[in-house]
PDB file of N, CA and C in Angstrom:
ATOM      1  N   MET A   1       0.841  -1.181   0.000  1.00  0.00           N
ATOM      2  CA  MET A   1       0.000   0.000   0.000  1.00  0.00           C
ATOM      3  C   MET A   1       0.878   1.232   0.000  1.00  0.00           C
ATOM      4  N   LYS A   2       0.325   2.343  -0.442  1.00  0.00           N
ATOM      5  CA  LYS A   2       1.071   3.604  -0.490  1.00  0.00           C
ATOM      6  C   LYS A   2       0.696   4.473   0.704  1.00  0.00           C
ATOM      7  N   LEU A   3       1.732   4.907   1.436  1.00  0.00           N
ATOM      8  CA  LEU A   3       1.554   5.771   2.589  1.00  0.00           C
ATOM      9  C   LEU A   3       2.450   6.995   2.442  1.00  0.00           C
ATOM     10  N   THR A   4       2.065   8.072   3.092  1.00  0.00           N
ATOM     11  CA  THR A   4       2.935   9.240   3.195  1.00  0.00           C
ATOM     12  C   THR A   4       3.531   9.210   4.588  1.00  0.00           C
ATOM     13  N   ILE A   5       4.844   9.042   4.650  1.00  0.00           N
ATOM     14  CA  ILE A   5       5.547   8.918   5.929  1.00  0.00           C
ATOM     15  C   ILE A   5       6.518  10.083   6.051  1.00  0.00           C
ATOM     16  N   ASN A   6       6.278  10.917   7.060  1.00  0.00           N
ATOM     17  CA  ASN A   6       7.091  12.118   7.268  1.00  0.00           C
ATOM     18  C   ASN A   6       7.203  12.943   5.987  1.00  0.00           C
ATOM     19  N   GLY A   7       6.097  13.032   5.255  1.00  0.00           N
ATOM     20  CA  GLY A   7       6.029  13.866   4.066  1.00  0.00           C
ATOM     21  C   GLY A   7       6.506  13.219   2.781  1.00  0.00           C
ATOM     22  N   CYS A   8       6.976  11.980   2.830  1.00  0.00           N
ATOM     23  CA  CYS A   8       7.475  11.290   1.641  1.00  0.00           C
ATOM     24  C   CYS A   8       6.629  10.059   1.335  1.00  0.00           C
ATOM     25  N   GLN A   9       6.395   9.804   0.066  1.00  0.00           N
ATOM     26  CA  GLN A   9       5.617   8.641  -0.354  1.00  0.00           C
ATOM     27  C   GLN A   9       6.443   7.361  -0.197  1.00  0.00           C
ATOM     28  N   HIS A  10       5.805   6.322   0.349  1.00  0.00           N
ATOM     29  CA  HIS A  10       6.448   5.013   0.518  1.00  0.00           C
ATOM     30  C   HIS A  10       5.464   3.931   0.111  1.00  0.00           C
ATOM     31  N   GLU A  11       5.981   2.872  -0.475  1.00  0.00           N
ATOM     32  CA  GLU A  11       5.219   1.662  -0.760  1.00  0.00           C
ATOM     33  C   GLU A  11       5.623   0.644   0.294  1.00  0.00           C
ATOM     34  N   VAL A  12       4.652   0.166   1.090  1.00  0.00           N
ATOM     35  CA  VAL A  12       4.963  -0.735   2.202  1.00  0.00           C
ATOM     36  C   VAL A  12       4.024  -1.936   2.187  1.00  0.00           C
ATOM     37  N   THR A  13       4.394  -2.952   2.971  1.00  0.00           N
ATOM     38  CA  THR A  13       3.551  -4.143   3.099  1.00  0.00           C
ATOM     39  C   THR A  13       2.896  -4.236   4.469  1.00  0.00           C
ATOM     40  N   ALA A  14       3.338  -3.419   5.416  1.00  0.00           N
ATOM     41  CA  ALA A  14       2.844  -3.477   6.800  1.00  0.00           C
ATOM     42  C   ALA A  14       1.351  -3.177   6.876  1.00  0.00           C
ATOM     43  N   ALA A  15       0.650  -3.890   7.753  1.00  0.00           N
ATOM     44  CA  ALA A  15      -0.787  -3.687   7.938  1.00  0.00           C
ATOM     45  C   ALA A  15      -1.114  -2.876   9.190  1.00  0.00           C
ATOM     46  N   THR A  16      -0.144  -2.775  10.119  1.00  0.00           N
ATOM     47  CA  THR A  16      -0.365  -2.013  11.347  1.00  0.00           C
ATOM     48  C   THR A  16       0.782  -1.019  11.532  1.00  0.00           C
ATOM     49  N   LEU A  17       0.564  -0.058  12.402  1.00  0.00           N
ATOM     50  CA  LEU A  17       1.598   0.926  12.686  1.00  0.00           C
ATOM     51  C   LEU A  17       2.828   0.264  13.293  1.00  0.00           C
ATOM     52  N   ALA A  18       2.645  -0.693  14.185  1.00  0.00           N
ATOM     53  CA  ALA A  18       3.780  -1.402  14.783  1.00  0.00           C
ATOM     54  C   ALA A  18       4.582  -2.146  13.709  1.00  0.00           C
ATOM     55  N   ALA A  19       3.897  -2.797  12.792  1.00  0.00           N
ATOM     56  CA  ALA A  19       4.578  -3.519  11.710  1.00  0.00           C
ATOM     57  C   ALA A  19       5.308  -2.551  10.783  1.00  0.00           C
ATOM     58  N   LEU A  20       4.735  -1.378  10.562  1.00  0.00           N
ATOM     59  CA  LEU A  20       5.389  -0.369   9.729  1.00  0.00           C
ATOM     60  C   LEU A  20       6.700   0.086  10.363  1.00  0.00           C
ATOM     61  N   LEU A  21       6.685   0.346  11.660  1.00  0.00           N
ATOM     62  CA  LEU A  21       7.900   0.769  12.350  1.00  0.00           C
ATOM     63  C   LEU A  21       8.987  -0.297  12.220  1.00  0.00           C
ATOM     64  N   ALA A  22       8.611  -1.568  12.336  1.00  0.00           N
ATOM     65  CA  ALA A  22       9.573  -2.664  12.179  1.00  0.00           C
ATOM     66  C   ALA A  22      10.080  -2.723  10.741  1.00  0.00           C
ATOM     67  N   GLU A  23       9.172  -2.572   9.769  1.00  0.00           N
ATOM     68  CA  GLU A  23       9.551  -2.625   8.356  1.00  0.00           C
ATOM     69  C   GLU A  23      10.544  -1.513   8.005  1.00  0.00           C
ATOM     70  N   LEU A  24      10.380  -0.345   8.626  1.00  0.00           N
ATOM     71  CA  LEU A  24      11.242   0.796   8.352  1.00  0.00           C
ATOM     72  C   LEU A  24      12.453   0.863   9.291  1.00  0.00           C
ATOM     73  N   ASP A  25      12.639  -0.181  10.106  1.00  0.00           N
ATOM     74  CA  ASP A  25      13.767  -0.291  11.040  1.00  0.00           C
ATOM     75  C   ASP A  25      13.783   0.779  12.123  1.00  0.00           C
ATOM     76  N   TYR A  26      12.604   1.223  12.550  1.00  0.00           N
ATOM     77  CA  TYR A  26      12.514   2.089  13.728  1.00  0.00           C
ATOM     78  C   TYR A  26      12.400   1.185  14.938  1.00  0.00           C
ATOM     79  N   ASP A  27      13.071   1.543  16.017  1.00  0.00           N
ATOM     80  CA  ASP A  27      13.046   0.712  17.211  1.00  0.00           C
ATOM     81  C   ASP A  27      12.947   1.614  18.429  1.00  0.00           C
ATOM     82  N   GLY A  28      12.175   1.193  19.401  1.00  0.00           N
ATOM     83  CA  GLY A  28      12.125   1.910  20.672  1.00  0.00           C
ATOM     84  C   GLY A  28      10.765   2.509  20.978  1.00  0.00           C
ATOM     85  N   GLY A  29      10.401   2.446  22.255  1.00  0.00           N
ATOM     86  CA  GLY A  29       9.150   3.019  22.716  1.00  0.00           C
ATOM     87  C   GLY A  29       9.236   4.528  22.867  1.00  0.00           C
ATOM     88  N   TRP A  30      10.410   5.100  22.618  1.00  0.00           N
ATOM     89  CA  TRP A  30      10.609   6.536  22.775  1.00  0.00           C
ATOM     90  C   TRP A  30      10.158   7.314  21.547  1.00  0.00           C
ATOM     91  N   LEU A  31       9.696   6.621  20.518  1.00  0.00           N
ATOM     92  CA  LEU A  31       9.198   7.288  19.321  1.00  0.00           C
ATOM     93  C   LEU A  31       7.818   7.872  19.575  1.00  0.00           C
ATOM     94  N   ALA A  32       7.524   8.967  18.913  1.00  0.00           N
ATOM     95  CA  ALA A  32       6.162   9.513  18.897  1.00  0.00           C
ATOM     96  C   ALA A  32       5.612   9.262  17.504  1.00  0.00           C
ATOM     97  N   THR A  33       4.368   8.797  17.444  1.00  0.00           N
ATOM     98  CA  THR A  33       3.759   8.498  16.148  1.00  0.00           C
ATOM     99  C   THR A  33       2.386   9.151  16.033  1.00  0.00           C
ATOM    100  N   ALA A  34       2.036   9.482  14.797  1.00  0.00           N
ATOM    101  CA  ALA A  34       0.706  10.030  14.512  1.00  0.00           C
ATOM    102  C   ALA A  34       0.205   9.423  13.218  1.00  0.00           C
ATOM    103  N   LEU A  35      -1.095   9.172  13.183  1.00  0.00           N
ATOM    104  CA  LEU A  35      -1.762   8.638  11.999  1.00  0.00           C
ATOM    105  C   LEU A  35      -2.828   9.633  11.584  1.00  0.00           C
ATOM    106  N   ASN A  36      -2.674  10.196  10.405  1.00  0.00           N
ATOM    107  CA  ASN A  36      -3.624  11.186   9.885  1.00  0.00           C
ATOM    108  C   ASN A  36      -3.883  12.319  10.877  1.00  0.00           C
ATOM    109  N   GLY A  37      -2.804  12.770  11.514  1.00  0.00           N
ATOM    110  CA  GLY A  37      -2.874  13.912  12.416  1.00  0.00           C
ATOM    111  C   GLY A  37      -3.274  13.602  13.845  1.00  0.00           C
ATOM    112  N   GLU A  38      -3.533  12.337  14.153  1.00  0.00           N
ATOM    113  CA  GLU A  38      -3.921  11.928  15.509  1.00  0.00           C
ATOM    114  C   GLU A  38      -2.792  11.129  16.146  1.00  0.00           C
ATOM    115  N   VAL A  39      -2.376  11.533  17.338  1.00  0.00           N
ATOM    116  CA  VAL A  39      -1.302  10.833  18.053  1.00  0.00           C
ATOM    117  C   VAL A  39      -1.737   9.398  18.351  1.00  0.00           C
ATOM    118  N   VAL A  40      -0.804   8.463  18.134  1.00  0.00           N
ATOM    119  CA  VAL A  40      -1.046   7.054  18.453  1.00  0.00           C
ATOM    120  C   VAL A  40      -0.048   6.650  19.529  1.00  0.00           C
ATOM    121  N   PRO A  41      -0.516   6.411  20.766  1.00  0.00           N
ATOM    122  CA  PRO A  41       0.390   5.984  21.838  1.00  0.00           C
ATOM    123  C   PRO A  41       1.052   4.643  21.512  1.00  0.00           C
ATOM    124  N   ALA A  42       2.248   4.434  22.044  1.00  0.00           N
ATOM    125  CA  ALA A  42       3.006   3.206  21.781  1.00  0.00           C
ATOM    126  C   ALA A  42       2.190   1.948  22.079  1.00  0.00           C
ATOM    127  N   ARG A  43       1.418   1.968  23.135  1.00  0.00           N
ATOM    128  CA  ARG A  43       0.656   0.768  23.527  1.00  0.00           C
ATOM    129  C   ARG A  43      -0.467   0.429  22.540  1.00  0.00           C
ATOM    130  N   GLU A  44      -0.819   1.356  21.646  1.00  0.00           N
ATOM    131  CA  GLU A  44      -1.909   1.134  20.689  1.00  0.00           C
ATOM    132  C   GLU A  44      -1.426   0.816  19.271  1.00  0.00           C
ATOM    133  N   ARG A  45      -0.119   0.807  19.056  1.00  0.00           N
ATOM    134  CA  ARG A  45       0.409   0.638  17.699  1.00  0.00           C
ATOM    135  C   ARG A  45       0.133  -0.735  17.106  1.00  0.00           C
ATOM    136  N   ASP A  46       0.141  -1.785  17.941  1.00  0.00           N
ATOM    137  CA  ASP A  46      -0.125  -3.137  17.425  1.00  0.00           C
ATOM    138  C   ASP A  46      -1.516  -3.254  16.818  1.00  0.00           C
ATOM    139  N   GLY A  47      -2.478  -2.541  17.372  1.00  0.00           N
ATOM    140  CA  GLY A  47      -3.852  -2.622  16.892  1.00  0.00           C
ATOM    141  C   GLY A  47      -4.250  -1.494  15.961  1.00  0.00           C
ATOM    142  N   CYS A  48      -3.298  -0.658  15.581  1.00  0.00           N
ATOM    143  CA  CYS A  48      -3.583   0.498  14.736  1.00  0.00           C
ATOM    144  C   CYS A  48      -3.438   0.104  13.264  1.00  0.00           C
ATOM    145  N   ALA A  49      -4.562  -0.201  12.621  1.00  0.00           N
ATOM    146  CA  ALA A  49      -4.555  -0.648  11.226  1.00  0.00           C
ATOM    147  C   ALA A  49      -4.268   0.521  10.285  1.00  0.00           C
ATOM    148  N   LEU A  50      -3.518   0.213   9.228  1.00  0.00           N
ATOM    149  CA  LEU A  50      -3.190   1.203   8.211  1.00  0.00           C
ATOM    150  C   LEU A  50      -4.028   0.972   6.964  1.00  0.00           C
ATOM    151  N   ALA A  51      -4.262   2.048   6.213  1.00  0.00           N
ATOM    152  CA  ALA A  51      -5.014   1.965   4.961  1.00  0.00           C
ATOM    153  C   ALA A  51      -4.269   2.759   3.898  1.00  0.00           C
ATOM    154  N   ASP A  52      -4.450   2.361   2.662  1.00  0.00           N
ATOM    155  CA  ASP A  52      -3.826   3.044   1.540  1.00  0.00           C
ATOM    156  C   ASP A  52      -4.120   4.544   1.608  1.00  0.00           C
ATOM    157  N   GLY A  53      -3.083   5.358   1.465  1.00  0.00           N
ATOM    158  CA  GLY A  53      -3.248   6.804   1.493  1.00  0.00           C
ATOM    159  C   GLY A  53      -3.090   7.449   2.853  1.00  0.00           C
ATOM    160  N   ASP A  54      -2.905   6.658   3.919  1.00  0.00           N
ATOM    161  CA  ASP A  54      -2.730   7.227   5.257  1.00  0.00           C
ATOM    162  C   ASP A  54      -1.481   8.093   5.315  1.00  0.00           C
ATOM    163  N   ARG A  55      -1.517   9.069   6.230  1.00  0.00           N
ATOM    164  CA  ARG A  55      -0.378   9.942   6.503  1.00  0.00           C
ATOM    165  C   ARG A  55       0.180   9.592   7.875  1.00  0.00           C
ATOM    166  N   ILE A  56       1.452   9.224   7.921  1.00  0.00           N
ATOM    167  CA  ILE A  56       2.122   8.809   9.149  1.00  0.00           C
ATOM    168  C   ILE A  56       3.227   9.807   9.465  1.00  0.00           C
ATOM    169  N   GLU A  57       3.305  10.200  10.722  1.00  0.00           N
ATOM    170  CA  GLU A  57       4.432  10.999  11.197  1.00  0.00           C
ATOM    171  C   GLU A  57       5.151  10.185  12.271  1.00  0.00           C
ATOM    172  N   ILE A  58       6.467  10.098  12.153  1.00  0.00           N
ATOM    173  CA  ILE A  58       7.295   9.382  13.125  1.00  0.00           C
ATOM    174  C   ILE A  58       8.347  10.371  13.615  1.00  0.00           C
ATOM    175  N   LEU A  59       8.328  10.623  14.909  1.00  0.00           N
ATOM    176  CA  LEU A  59       9.249  11.589  15.503  1.00  0.00           C
ATOM    177  C   LEU A  59      10.136  10.889  16.525  1.00  0.00           C
ATOM    178  N   ALA A  60      11.412  11.250  16.523  1.00  0.00           N
ATOM    179  CA  ALA A  60      12.362  10.688  17.479  1.00  0.00           C
ATOM    180  C   ALA A  60      13.134  11.830  18.117  1.00  0.00           C
ATOM    181  N   PRO A  61      13.442  11.726  19.410  1.00  0.00           N
ATOM    182  CA  PRO A  61      14.234  12.770  20.057  1.00  0.00           C
ATOM    183  C   PRO A  61      15.640  12.836  19.475  1.00  0.00           C
ATOM    184  N   MET A  62      16.208  14.035  19.490  1.00  0.00           N
ATOM    185  CA  MET A  62      17.565  14.226  18.985  1.00  0.00           C
ATOM    186  C   MET A  62      18.418  14.899  20.058  1.00  0.00           C
ATOM    187  N   LYS A  63      19.660  14.538  20.083  1.00  0.00           N
ATOM    188  CA  LYS A  63      20.611  15.194  20.995  1.00  0.00           C
ATOM    189  C   LYS A  63      21.110  16.486  20.354  1.00  0.00           C
ATOM    190  N   GLY A  64      21.507  17.382  21.164  1.00  0.00           N
ATOM    191  CA  GLY A  64      22.068  18.610  20.620  1.00  0.00           C
ATOM    192  C   GLY A  64      21.849  19.753  21.577  1.00  0.00           C
ATOM    193  N   GLY A  65      22.289  20.902  21.173  1.00  0.00           N
ATOM    194  CA  GLY A  65      22.116  22.031  22.067  1.00  0.00           C
ATOM    195  C   GLY A  65      22.335  23.337  21.362  1.00  0.00           C
TER     196      GLY A  65
END
């Protein structure tokens, strides 16, 4: 299916948000995720189904100053 992830188009096979994170090699509960503008808590990612055309945002903390 085609998804927009962090503003870029991707073709993926994942059916859930948790599977998408694994497919894209994201790891860790410290990530923040949103599906179509709605925050998805880490505990809900396994049950968060994806559909063609969804918009996903994946945010990770960065070090710096």
